[in-house]
Amino acid sequence: MSGDVKILAKNKRARHDYYVVDSIETGIVLKGTEVKSVRLGKVQLVDSFVRIEDGELFLHGAHISPYEQGNRFNVDPRRRRKLLAHRTEIHRLHRQVLEKGMTLIPLAAYLKRGRVKIEVGICRGKKTYDKRQTLREKDATREVERELKRRGRGNEDRE
């Protein structure tokens, strides 16, 4: 993700539960008022996943809230949505998913040059002890930053 990008939603849970091996940018097929809801940031990627069906990518379990002024034009918020990628990328993803323990998880939804994009990660599941280790490392870095910030502030007062 680079350039003029507005992040709409991030799947923080994915980086906690999985090691992200690789990622690709895909487009998404949206119907009617879904685009307006997504632009307002009314999208949730938690508990969603990507599946390859008949050589195409589909996003399952993502929730796009119905547009408030959409009335009868709104669609099912949890319906499966097609993701757009090149055939060669889909074949590469399919080969990697066939490996043991690999899965496709949406990592982020964002606007890029006016178009909605989904970042899909090729992920390997973490064990429980790996998750605990990640949390410990995060806490340790947070403590170090807090201590450096506190010491830095103390030095400014003395000058």
Protein backbone atom coordinates (compact mmCIF):
# COMPACT_ATOMS: atom_id res chain seq x y z
CA MET A 1 0.00 0.00 0.00
CA SER A 2 1.54 3.25 -1.11
CA GLY A 3 0.56 6.56 -2.65
CA ASP A 4 -2.77 8.31 -2.11
CA VAL A 5 -4.44 5.72 0.15
CA LYS A 6 -7.25 6.12 2.70
CA ILE A 7 -7.48 3.14 5.03
CA LEU A 8 -11.11 2.18 5.70
CA ALA A 9 -10.66 -0.91 7.89
CA LYS A 10 -7.84 -3.06 9.26
CA ASN A 11 -8.02 -6.63 10.43
CA LYS A 12 -5.86 -6.38 13.55
CA ARG A 13 -6.92 -9.83 14.68
CA ALA A 14 -5.29 -11.37 11.57
CA ARG A 15 -1.78 -10.25 12.53
CA HIS A 16 -2.35 -11.54 16.06
CA ASP A 17 -3.56 -14.99 14.99
CA TYR A 18 -1.41 -15.52 11.85
CA TYR A 19 2.07 -15.03 10.43
CA VAL A 20 1.63 -13.02 7.21
CA VAL A 21 3.92 -14.67 4.64
CA ASP A 22 2.95 -12.55 1.62
CA SER A 23 0.16 -10.19 0.56
CA ILE A 24 -1.49 -8.97 -2.63
CA GLU A 25 -3.82 -6.12 -3.53
CA THR A 26 -7.19 -7.06 -5.01
CA GLY A 27 -10.23 -5.17 -6.16
CA ILE A 28 -13.69 -6.02 -4.89
CA VAL A 29 -17.05 -6.29 -6.67
CA LEU A 30 -19.64 -4.26 -4.75
CA LYS A 31 -23.33 -3.74 -5.50
CA GLY A 32 -25.26 -0.46 -5.35
CA THR A 33 -25.18 1.23 -1.98
CA GLU A 34 -22.34 -0.95 -0.64
CA VAL A 35 -19.84 1.45 -2.19
CA LYS A 36 -21.27 4.36 -0.20
CA SER A 37 -21.16 2.34 3.02
CA VAL A 38 -17.56 1.31 2.40
CA ARG A 39 -16.52 4.90 1.65
CA LEU A 40 -18.01 5.88 5.02
CA GLY A 41 -15.82 3.21 6.64
CA LYS A 42 -18.74 0.92 7.58
CA VAL A 43 -16.80 -2.28 6.85
CA GLN A 44 -15.53 -4.95 9.25
CA LEU A 45 -13.02 -7.62 8.26
CA VAL A 46 -12.85 -9.46 11.60
CA ASP A 47 -13.64 -13.19 11.25
CA SER A 48 -13.58 -12.96 7.45
CA PHE A 49 -11.56 -15.12 5.08
CA VAL A 50 -10.89 -15.55 1.37
CA ARG A 51 -11.60 -18.77 -0.51
CA ILE A 52 -10.67 -19.82 -4.05
CA GLU A 53 -13.71 -21.24 -5.86
CA ASP A 54 -13.62 -22.27 -9.53
CA GLY A 55 -10.46 -20.23 -10.15
CA GLU A 56 -11.92 -17.05 -8.60
CA LEU A 57 -11.37 -15.35 -5.24
CA PHE A 58 -14.32 -14.78 -2.91
CA LEU A 59 -14.44 -12.84 0.35
CA HIS A 60 -16.58 -14.58 3.00
CA GLY A 61 -17.76 -13.21 6.33
CA ALA A 62 -16.90 -9.53 5.83
CA HIS A 63 -19.61 -7.20 7.13
CA ILE A 64 -20.54 -4.08 5.16
CA SER A 65 -23.28 -2.22 7.03
CA PRO A 66 -26.35 -1.27 5.00
CA TYR A 67 -26.34 2.33 3.77
CA GLU A 68 -28.78 4.38 5.86
CA GLN A 69 -30.42 6.12 2.88
CA GLY A 70 -30.32 2.94 0.79
CA ASN A 71 -33.77 1.54 1.70
CA ARG A 72 -34.72 -1.30 -0.71
CA PHE A 73 -31.43 -1.12 -2.63
CA ASN A 74 -29.42 -2.46 0.31
CA VAL A 75 -28.10 -6.02 0.06
CA ASP A 76 -27.20 -8.67 2.65
CA PRO A 77 -24.36 -7.24 4.80
CA ARG A 78 -22.56 -10.62 5.09
CA ARG A 79 -22.94 -11.89 1.51
CA ARG A 80 -19.89 -13.32 -0.23
CA ARG A 81 -18.14 -10.87 -2.53
CA LYS A 82 -15.92 -11.52 -5.50
CA LEU A 83 -12.35 -10.25 -5.36
CA LEU A 84 -10.57 -9.18 -8.54
CA ALA A 85 -7.04 -10.39 -9.25
CA HIS A 86 -5.04 -11.54 -12.24
CA ARG A 87 -5.36 -15.23 -13.12
CA THR A 88 -1.63 -15.80 -12.58
CA GLU A 89 -1.88 -14.33 -9.06
CA ILE A 90 -4.87 -16.55 -8.27
CA HIS A 91 -2.96 -19.65 -9.45
CA ARG A 92 0.06 -18.64 -7.33
CA LEU A 93 -2.21 -18.16 -4.30
CA HIS A 94 -3.90 -21.51 -4.94
CA ARG A 95 -0.52 -23.30 -4.97
CA GLN A 96 0.48 -21.63 -1.69
CA VAL A 97 -2.86 -22.40 -0.01
CA LEU A 98 -2.46 -26.09 -0.90
CA GLU A 99 0.62 -26.11 1.36
CA LYS A 100 0.05 -27.25 4.92
CA GLY A 101 -1.44 -24.62 7.22
CA MET A 102 -1.68 -21.74 4.73
CA THR A 103 -4.85 -19.65 4.41
CA LEU A 104 -6.01 -16.40 2.79
CA ILE A 105 -7.06 -13.63 5.17
CA PRO A 106 -8.14 -10.05 4.31
CA LEU A 107 -5.76 -7.68 6.11
CA ALA A 108 -7.13 -4.26 5.17
CA ALA A 109 -9.73 -2.40 3.11
CA TYR A 110 -8.74 0.95 1.65
CA LEU A 111 -9.45 3.49 -1.07
CA LYS A 112 -6.78 3.90 -3.70
CA ARG A 113 -7.37 6.48 -6.44
CA GLY A 114 -11.11 6.34 -5.73
CA ARG A 115 -11.36 2.54 -5.92
CA VAL A 116 -11.98 0.14 -3.04
CA LYS A 117 -9.13 -2.33 -2.60
CA ILE A 118 -8.68 -5.29 -0.26
CA GLU A 119 -5.23 -6.41 0.88
CA VAL A 120 -5.23 -10.21 1.08
CA GLY A 121 -2.52 -11.95 3.08
CA ILE A 122 -1.22 -15.48 2.62
CA CYS A 123 -1.00 -16.52 6.25
CA ARG A 124 0.17 -19.39 8.43
CA GLY A 125 -1.59 -19.93 11.76
CA LYS A 126 0.22 -19.19 15.02
CA LYS A 127 0.27 -21.56 17.95
CA THR A 128 -0.98 -20.31 21.32
CA TYR A 129 2.54 -19.91 22.71
CA ASP A 130 3.51 -17.88 19.62
CA LYS A 131 0.62 -15.51 20.30
CA ARG A 132 1.73 -15.11 23.91
CA GLN A 133 5.31 -14.44 22.77
CA THR A 134 4.07 -11.76 20.35
CA LEU A 135 2.10 -10.08 23.15
CA ARG A 136 5.16 -10.17 25.44
CA GLU A 137 7.33 -8.54 22.75
CA LYS A 138 4.69 -5.87 22.12
CA ASP A 139 4.43 -5.12 25.86
CA ALA A 140 8.23 -4.93 26.17
CA THR A 141 8.58 -2.45 23.30
CA ARG A 142 5.71 -0.39 24.75
CA GLU A 143 7.49 -0.29 28.14
CA VAL A 144 10.80 0.75 26.53
CA GLU A 145 9.09 3.52 24.56
CA ARG A 146 7.25 4.71 27.67
CA GLU A 147 10.51 4.79 29.67
CA LEU A 148 12.38 6.66 26.91
CA LYS A 149 9.54 9.15 26.65
CA ARG A 150 9.51 9.67 30.42
CA ARG A 151 13.30 10.16 30.58
CA GLY A 152 13.23 12.46 27.57
CA ARG A 153 10.58 14.64 29.23
CA GLY A 154 12.60 14.77 32.47
CA ASN A 155 15.69 16.09 30.66
CA GLU A 156 13.72 18.90 29.02
CA ASP A 157 12.55 20.16 32.44
CA ARG A 158 16.15 20.53 33.72
CA GLU A 159 17.32 22.70 30.84
